[in-house]
Amino acid sequence: MGIVCNAVGYIPPGNINLTAAQIALNKGLKQAYYFIISFSIVEMLFTFVIMRFVEWFASSMELDRIIDIAMIVVFLVLGFITWRSRKEMPKTDTSNKDSVRYGILLGVLNPMQVPYWLFLGTYLISHDWINTGTLSLSIFSIGSGIGAGIVLYGFARFAKYIQEKFTLSSYVINKSIAILFFALSAYHLIKVVYEQIIKV
């Protein structure tokens, strides 16, 4: 259940799967694997905490706005970092520790997973598909980490395949990913403005 649920959550383009693809293209698959493994481990812990306190998180009415604002910042920062590095040559000698640290950092700064698990977690628990016992949630969380890892691995491999198949330059790829990050940031900004100003 954990594998399937979290795999589905990482299929839509977002900051994590696009970052995995970018690392695979710019630094190679080995660095992407280090990133994916470290991120997946953090994801297991993240899922366990969210599922344990799903009712408390759901009771916070300001949570949606906080998450949208956080995503504006996250996507903007990732967009600027990617845009600045668009003309740089891929670094194949990057330390493994850099990819691991990056995976841990994005695993911690991953606010998009909060509303996902709030919705899905509430549904699963209320329908008795999983229970909130420590052992059950631990197994579910391990599955969620595996599910995230599988999808991110797929993104990394597919990105590398596309690069080799169409001989795309790192400049074009980084520029495209940066534009997508900016677009996602703009989406969350428009959503906040609409809900807090226009809709009122």
C-alpha atoms as a PDB file:
ATOM      1  CA  MET A   1       0.000   0.000   0.000  1.00  0.00           C
ATOM      2  CA  GLY A   2       2.789   2.413   0.909  1.00  0.00           C
ATOM      3  CA  ILE A   3       4.704   1.684  -2.296  1.00  0.00           C
ATOM      4  CA  VAL A   4       1.683   2.266  -4.544  1.00  0.00           C
ATOM      5  CA  CYS A   5       0.398   5.365  -2.716  1.00  0.00           C
ATOM      6  CA  ASN A   6       3.699   7.222  -2.700  1.00  0.00           C
ATOM      7  CA  ALA A   7       4.664   6.152  -6.208  1.00  0.00           C
ATOM      8  CA  VAL A   8       1.473   7.758  -7.501  1.00  0.00           C
ATOM      9  CA  GLY A   9       2.283  10.920  -5.521  1.00  0.00           C
ATOM     10  CA  TYR A  10       5.636  11.398  -7.252  1.00  0.00           C
ATOM     11  CA  ILE A  11       4.491  10.862 -10.832  1.00  0.00           C
ATOM     12  CA  PRO A  12       3.320  14.478 -11.473  1.00  0.00           C
ATOM     13  CA  PRO A  13       6.222  16.880 -12.199  1.00  0.00           C
ATOM     14  CA  GLY A  14       7.467  18.512  -9.014  1.00  0.00           C
ATOM     15  CA  ASN A  15      10.585  19.758  -7.288  1.00  0.00           C
ATOM     16  CA  ILE A  16      11.795  16.275  -6.294  1.00  0.00           C
ATOM     17  CA  ASN A  17      11.423  14.262  -9.504  1.00  0.00           C
ATOM     18  CA  LEU A  18      12.678  17.162 -11.644  1.00  0.00           C
ATOM     19  CA  THR A  19      15.718  17.480  -9.379  1.00  0.00           C
ATOM     20  CA  ALA A  20      16.404  13.739  -9.708  1.00  0.00           C
ATOM     21  CA  ALA A  21      16.229  14.078 -13.484  1.00  0.00           C
ATOM     22  CA  GLN A  22      18.491  17.130 -13.452  1.00  0.00           C
ATOM     23  CA  ILE A  23      21.135  15.425 -11.316  1.00  0.00           C
ATOM     24  CA  ALA A  24      21.100  12.396 -13.627  1.00  0.00           C
ATOM     25  CA  LEU A  25      21.633  14.642 -16.641  1.00  0.00           C
ATOM     26  CA  ASN A  26      24.256  16.961 -15.185  1.00  0.00           C
ATOM     27  CA  LYS A  27      26.182  14.681 -12.820  1.00  0.00           C
ATOM     28  CA  GLY A  28      25.395  11.165 -13.982  1.00  0.00           C
ATOM     29  CA  LEU A  29      23.216   8.312 -12.797  1.00  0.00           C
ATOM     30  CA  LYS A  30      25.517   7.379  -9.919  1.00  0.00           C
ATOM     31  CA  GLN A  31      24.996  10.772  -8.266  1.00  0.00           C
ATOM     32  CA  ALA A  32      21.270  10.522  -8.960  1.00  0.00           C
ATOM     33  CA  TYR A  33      21.177   7.167  -7.137  1.00  0.00           C
ATOM     34  CA  TYR A  34      22.837   8.674  -4.060  1.00  0.00           C
ATOM     35  CA  PHE A  35      20.293  11.488  -4.131  1.00  0.00           C
ATOM     36  CA  ILE A  36      17.353   9.078  -4.533  1.00  0.00           C
ATOM     37  CA  ILE A  37      18.478   6.745  -1.735  1.00  0.00           C
ATOM     38  CA  SER A  38      19.089   9.553   0.777  1.00  0.00           C
ATOM     39  CA  PHE A  39      15.812  11.247  -0.132  1.00  0.00           C
ATOM     40  CA  SER A  40      13.858   7.986   0.153  1.00  0.00           C
ATOM     41  CA  ILE A  41      15.216   7.353   3.660  1.00  0.00           C
ATOM     42  CA  VAL A  42      14.085  10.808   4.781  1.00  0.00           C
ATOM     43  CA  GLU A  43      10.745  10.197   3.059  1.00  0.00           C
ATOM     44  CA  MET A  44      10.181   7.116   5.226  1.00  0.00           C
ATOM     45  CA  LEU A  45      10.621   9.171   8.404  1.00  0.00           C
ATOM     46  CA  PHE A  46       8.528  12.028   6.981  1.00  0.00           C
ATOM     47  CA  THR A  47       5.654   9.692   6.109  1.00  0.00           C
ATOM     48  CA  PHE A  48       5.705   8.062   9.534  1.00  0.00           C
ATOM     49  CA  VAL A  49       5.450  11.431  11.332  1.00  0.00           C
ATOM     50  CA  ILE A  50       2.693  12.760   9.042  1.00  0.00           C
ATOM     51  CA  MET A  51       0.622   9.586   9.312  1.00  0.00           C
ATOM     52  CA  ARG A  52       1.066   9.487  13.093  1.00  0.00           C
ATOM     53  CA  PHE A  53      -0.225  13.049  13.479  1.00  0.00           C
ATOM     54  CA  VAL A  54      -2.569  13.212  10.479  1.00  0.00           C
ATOM     55  CA  GLU A  55      -5.556  14.311  12.588  1.00  0.00           C
ATOM     56  CA  TRP A  56      -3.596  17.104  14.247  1.00  0.00           C
ATOM     57  CA  PHE A  57      -2.251  18.394  10.917  1.00  0.00           C
ATOM     58  CA  ALA A  58      -5.723  18.256   9.372  1.00  0.00           C
ATOM     59  CA  SER A  59      -7.095  20.489  12.141  1.00  0.00           C
ATOM     60  CA  SER A  60      -4.731  23.331  11.204  1.00  0.00           C
ATOM     61  CA  MET A  61      -6.787  25.656   9.015  1.00  0.00           C
ATOM     62  CA  GLU A  62      -3.790  27.788   8.004  1.00  0.00           C
ATOM     63  CA  LEU A  63      -1.788  24.799   6.762  1.00  0.00           C
ATOM     64  CA  ASP A  64      -2.838  25.112   3.101  1.00  0.00           C
ATOM     65  CA  ARG A  65      -1.731  28.736   2.887  1.00  0.00           C
ATOM     66  CA  ILE A  66       1.574  28.017   4.651  1.00  0.00           C
ATOM     67  CA  ILE A  67       2.318  25.145   2.248  1.00  0.00           C
ATOM     68  CA  ASP A  68       1.512  27.258  -0.837  1.00  0.00           C
ATOM     69  CA  ILE A  69       3.801  30.057   0.360  1.00  0.00           C
ATOM     70  CA  ALA A  70       6.552  27.533   1.122  1.00  0.00           C
ATOM     71  CA  MET A  71       6.220  26.053  -2.367  1.00  0.00           C
ATOM     72  CA  ILE A  72       6.502  29.502  -3.970  1.00  0.00           C
ATOM     73  CA  VAL A  73       9.847  29.969  -2.210  1.00  0.00           C
ATOM     74  CA  VAL A  74      11.088  26.399  -2.869  1.00  0.00           C
ATOM     75  CA  PHE A  75      10.287  26.497  -6.595  1.00  0.00           C
ATOM     76  CA  LEU A  76      11.751  30.001  -6.972  1.00  0.00           C
ATOM     77  CA  VAL A  77      15.007  29.001  -5.292  1.00  0.00           C
ATOM     78  CA  LEU A  78      15.299  25.800  -7.353  1.00  0.00           C
ATOM     79  CA  GLY A  79      14.444  27.774 -10.493  1.00  0.00           C
ATOM     80  CA  PHE A  80      17.169  30.378  -9.855  1.00  0.00           C
ATOM     81  CA  ILE A  81      19.749  27.699  -8.989  1.00  0.00           C
ATOM     82  CA  THR A  82      18.944  25.772 -12.169  1.00  0.00           C
ATOM     83  CA  TRP A  83      18.862  28.927 -14.301  1.00  0.00           C
ATOM     84  CA  ARG A  84      22.271  30.058 -13.018  1.00  0.00           C
ATOM     85  CA  SER A  85      23.821  26.658 -13.750  1.00  0.00           C
ATOM     86  CA  ARG A  86      22.330  26.331 -17.255  1.00  0.00           C
ATOM     87  CA  LYS A  87      25.611  27.270 -18.983  1.00  0.00           C
ATOM     88  CA  GLU A  88      27.871  25.248 -16.702  1.00  0.00           C
ATOM     89  CA  MET A  89      29.409  22.038 -17.935  1.00  0.00           C
ATOM     90  CA  PRO A  90      28.179  18.882 -16.163  1.00  0.00           C
ATOM     91  CA  LYS A  91      30.408  17.962 -13.214  1.00  0.00           C
ATOM     92  CA  THR A  92      31.094  14.260 -13.219  1.00  0.00           C
ATOM     93  CA  ASP A  93      33.515  14.426 -10.287  1.00  0.00           C
ATOM     94  CA  THR A  94      30.981  15.703  -7.759  1.00  0.00           C
ATOM     95  CA  SER A  95      31.348  14.227  -4.303  1.00  0.00           C
ATOM     96  CA  ASN A  96      28.852  11.543  -3.337  1.00  0.00           C
ATOM     97  CA  LYS A  97      28.308  13.444  -0.094  1.00  0.00           C
ATOM     98  CA  ASP A  98      26.911  16.418  -2.052  1.00  0.00           C
ATOM     99  CA  SER A  99      24.171  14.301  -3.590  1.00  0.00           C
ATOM    100  CA  VAL A 100      23.387  12.680  -0.241  1.00  0.00           C
ATOM    101  CA  ARG A 101      23.169  16.077   1.486  1.00  0.00           C
ATOM    102  CA  TYR A 102      20.959  17.402  -1.313  1.00  0.00           C
ATOM    103  CA  GLY A 103      18.667  14.393  -0.987  1.00  0.00           C
ATOM    104  CA  ILE A 104      18.358  14.897   2.778  1.00  0.00           C
ATOM    105  CA  LEU A 105      17.774  18.643   2.370  1.00  0.00           C
ATOM    106  CA  LEU A 106      14.973  18.233  -0.175  1.00  0.00           C
ATOM    107  CA  GLY A 107      13.553  15.374   1.858  1.00  0.00           C
ATOM    108  CA  VAL A 108      13.157  17.740   4.798  1.00  0.00           C
ATOM    109  CA  LEU A 109      12.012  20.712   2.665  1.00  0.00           C
ATOM    110  CA  ASN A 110       9.218  18.870   0.894  1.00  0.00           C
ATOM    111  CA  PRO A 111       5.982  20.656   1.895  1.00  0.00           C
ATOM    112  CA  MET A 112       4.000  19.250  -1.053  1.00  0.00           C
ATOM    113  CA  GLN A 113       3.843  15.873   0.668  1.00  0.00           C
ATOM    114  CA  VAL A 114       1.960  17.291   3.667  1.00  0.00           C
ATOM    115  CA  PRO A 115      -1.406  17.887   1.916  1.00  0.00           C
ATOM    116  CA  TYR A 116      -0.974  14.673  -0.070  1.00  0.00           C
ATOM    117  CA  TRP A 117      -0.618  12.521   3.032  1.00  0.00           C
ATOM    118  CA  LEU A 118      -3.270  14.495   4.917  1.00  0.00           C
ATOM    119  CA  PHE A 119      -5.831  13.641   2.256  1.00  0.00           C
ATOM    120  CA  LEU A 120      -4.665  10.114   1.528  1.00  0.00           C
ATOM    121  CA  GLY A 121      -3.762   9.279   5.122  1.00  0.00           C
ATOM    122  CA  THR A 122      -7.162  10.355   6.413  1.00  0.00           C
ATOM    123  CA  TYR A 123      -8.842   8.257   3.731  1.00  0.00           C
ATOM    124  CA  LEU A 124      -6.760   5.153   4.398  1.00  0.00           C
ATOM    125  CA  ILE A 125      -7.133   5.330   8.164  1.00  0.00           C
ATOM    126  CA  SER A 126     -10.882   6.128   8.107  1.00  0.00           C
ATOM    127  CA  HIS A 127     -11.524   3.153   5.793  1.00  0.00           C
ATOM    128  CA  ASP A 128      -9.402   0.841   7.956  1.00  0.00           C
ATOM    129  CA  TRP A 129      -6.956   0.089   5.132  1.00  0.00           C
ATOM    130  CA  ILE A 130      -4.130   0.718   7.574  1.00  0.00           C
ATOM    131  CA  ASN A 131      -4.052   1.262  11.333  1.00  0.00           C
ATOM    132  CA  THR A 132      -2.053   3.748  13.343  1.00  0.00           C
ATOM    133  CA  GLY A 133      -0.030   1.193  15.295  1.00  0.00           C
ATOM    134  CA  THR A 134       3.714   1.704  15.310  1.00  0.00           C
ATOM    135  CA  LEU A 135       4.492  -1.515  13.427  1.00  0.00           C
ATOM    136  CA  SER A 136       1.814  -0.921  10.784  1.00  0.00           C
ATOM    137  CA  LEU A 137       2.889   2.677  10.158  1.00  0.00           C
ATOM    138  CA  SER A 138       6.552   1.653  10.091  1.00  0.00           C
ATOM    139  CA  ILE A 139       5.901  -0.924   7.364  1.00  0.00           C
ATOM    140  CA  PHE A 140       3.726   1.558   5.468  1.00  0.00           C
ATOM    141  CA  SER A 141       6.437   4.249   5.737  1.00  0.00           C
ATOM    142  CA  ILE A 142       9.138   1.885   4.483  1.00  0.00           C
ATOM    143  CA  GLY A 143       6.883   1.125   1.526  1.00  0.00           C
ATOM    144  CA  SER A 144       6.385   4.840   0.866  1.00  0.00           C
ATOM    145  CA  GLY A 145      10.162   5.345   0.721  1.00  0.00           C
ATOM    146  CA  ILE A 146      10.497   2.456  -1.713  1.00  0.00           C
ATOM    147  CA  GLY A 147       7.656   3.843  -3.835  1.00  0.00           C
ATOM    148  CA  ALA A 148       9.300   7.273  -4.012  1.00  0.00           C
ATOM    149  CA  GLY A 149      12.649   5.685  -4.880  1.00  0.00           C
ATOM    150  CA  ILE A 150      11.161   3.629  -7.727  1.00  0.00           C
ATOM    151  CA  VAL A 151       9.504   6.630  -9.377  1.00  0.00           C
ATOM    152  CA  LEU A 152      12.555   8.886  -8.941  1.00  0.00           C
ATOM    153  CA  TYR A 153      14.737   6.147 -10.404  1.00  0.00           C
ATOM    154  CA  GLY A 154      12.369   6.025 -13.372  1.00  0.00           C
ATOM    155  CA  PHE A 155      12.613   9.805 -13.840  1.00  0.00           C
ATOM    156  CA  ALA A 156      16.417   9.708 -13.674  1.00  0.00           C
ATOM    157  CA  ARG A 157      16.708   6.839 -16.163  1.00  0.00           C
ATOM    158  CA  PHE A 158      14.144   8.364 -18.526  1.00  0.00           C
ATOM    159  CA  ALA A 159      15.864  11.770 -18.444  1.00  0.00           C
ATOM    160  CA  LYS A 160      19.197  10.149 -19.279  1.00  0.00           C
ATOM    161  CA  TYR A 161      17.568   8.154 -22.083  1.00  0.00           C
ATOM    162  CA  ILE A 162      16.001  11.286 -23.582  1.00  0.00           C
ATOM    163  CA  GLN A 163      19.328  13.128 -23.397  1.00  0.00           C
ATOM    164  CA  GLU A 164      21.181  10.332 -25.173  1.00  0.00           C
ATOM    165  CA  LYS A 165      18.404   9.652 -27.691  1.00  0.00           C
ATOM    166  CA  PHE A 166      18.007  13.262 -28.794  1.00  0.00           C
ATOM    167  CA  THR A 167      21.523  14.476 -27.873  1.00  0.00           C
ATOM    168  CA  LEU A 168      20.125  17.394 -25.887  1.00  0.00           C
ATOM    169  CA  SER A 169      22.614  19.794 -24.338  1.00  0.00           C
ATOM    170  CA  SER A 170      22.758  20.477 -20.615  1.00  0.00           C
ATOM    171  CA  TYR A 171      21.982  24.135 -21.402  1.00  0.00           C
ATOM    172  CA  VAL A 172      18.641  23.308 -23.023  1.00  0.00           C
ATOM    173  CA  ILE A 173      17.689  20.816 -20.306  1.00  0.00           C
ATOM    174  CA  ASN A 174      18.602  23.089 -17.387  1.00  0.00           C
ATOM    175  CA  LYS A 175      16.820  26.025 -19.008  1.00  0.00           C
ATOM    176  CA  SER A 176      13.675  23.936 -19.530  1.00  0.00           C
ATOM    177  CA  ILE A 177      13.685  22.636 -15.950  1.00  0.00           C
ATOM    178  CA  ALA A 178      14.263  26.162 -14.598  1.00  0.00           C
ATOM    179  CA  ILE A 179      11.296  27.483 -16.603  1.00  0.00           C
ATOM    180  CA  LEU A 180       9.139  24.652 -15.252  1.00  0.00           C
ATOM    181  CA  PHE A 181      10.200  25.487 -11.677  1.00  0.00           C
ATOM    182  CA  PHE A 182       9.272  29.155 -12.249  1.00  0.00           C
ATOM    183  CA  ALA A 183       5.916  28.105 -13.727  1.00  0.00           C
ATOM    184  CA  LEU A 184       5.134  25.943 -10.685  1.00  0.00           C
ATOM    185  CA  SER A 185       6.095  28.809  -8.377  1.00  0.00           C
ATOM    186  CA  ALA A 186       3.822  31.160 -10.360  1.00  0.00           C
ATOM    187  CA  TYR A 187       0.966  28.665 -10.067  1.00  0.00           C
ATOM    188  CA  HIS A 188       1.187  28.631  -6.267  1.00  0.00           C
ATOM    189  CA  LEU A 189       1.510  32.440  -6.188  1.00  0.00           C
ATOM    190  CA  ILE A 190      -1.635  32.859  -8.309  1.00  0.00           C
ATOM    191  CA  LYS A 191      -3.432  30.337  -6.101  1.00  0.00           C
ATOM    192  CA  VAL A 192      -2.552  32.261  -2.922  1.00  0.00           C
ATOM    193  CA  VAL A 193      -3.521  35.624  -4.452  1.00  0.00           C
ATOM    194  CA  TYR A 194      -6.828  34.228  -5.734  1.00  0.00           C
ATOM    195  CA  GLU A 195      -7.802  32.521  -2.476  1.00  0.00           C
ATOM    196  CA  GLN A 196      -6.745  35.342  -0.157  1.00  0.00           C
ATOM    197  CA  ILE A 197      -7.634  38.459  -2.199  1.00  0.00           C
ATOM    198  CA  ILE A 198      -9.805  37.861  -5.270  1.00  0.00           C
ATOM    199  CA  LYS A 199     -12.023  35.107  -3.881  1.00  0.00           C
ATOM    200  CA  VAL A 200     -12.711  37.114  -0.714  1.00  0.00           C
END
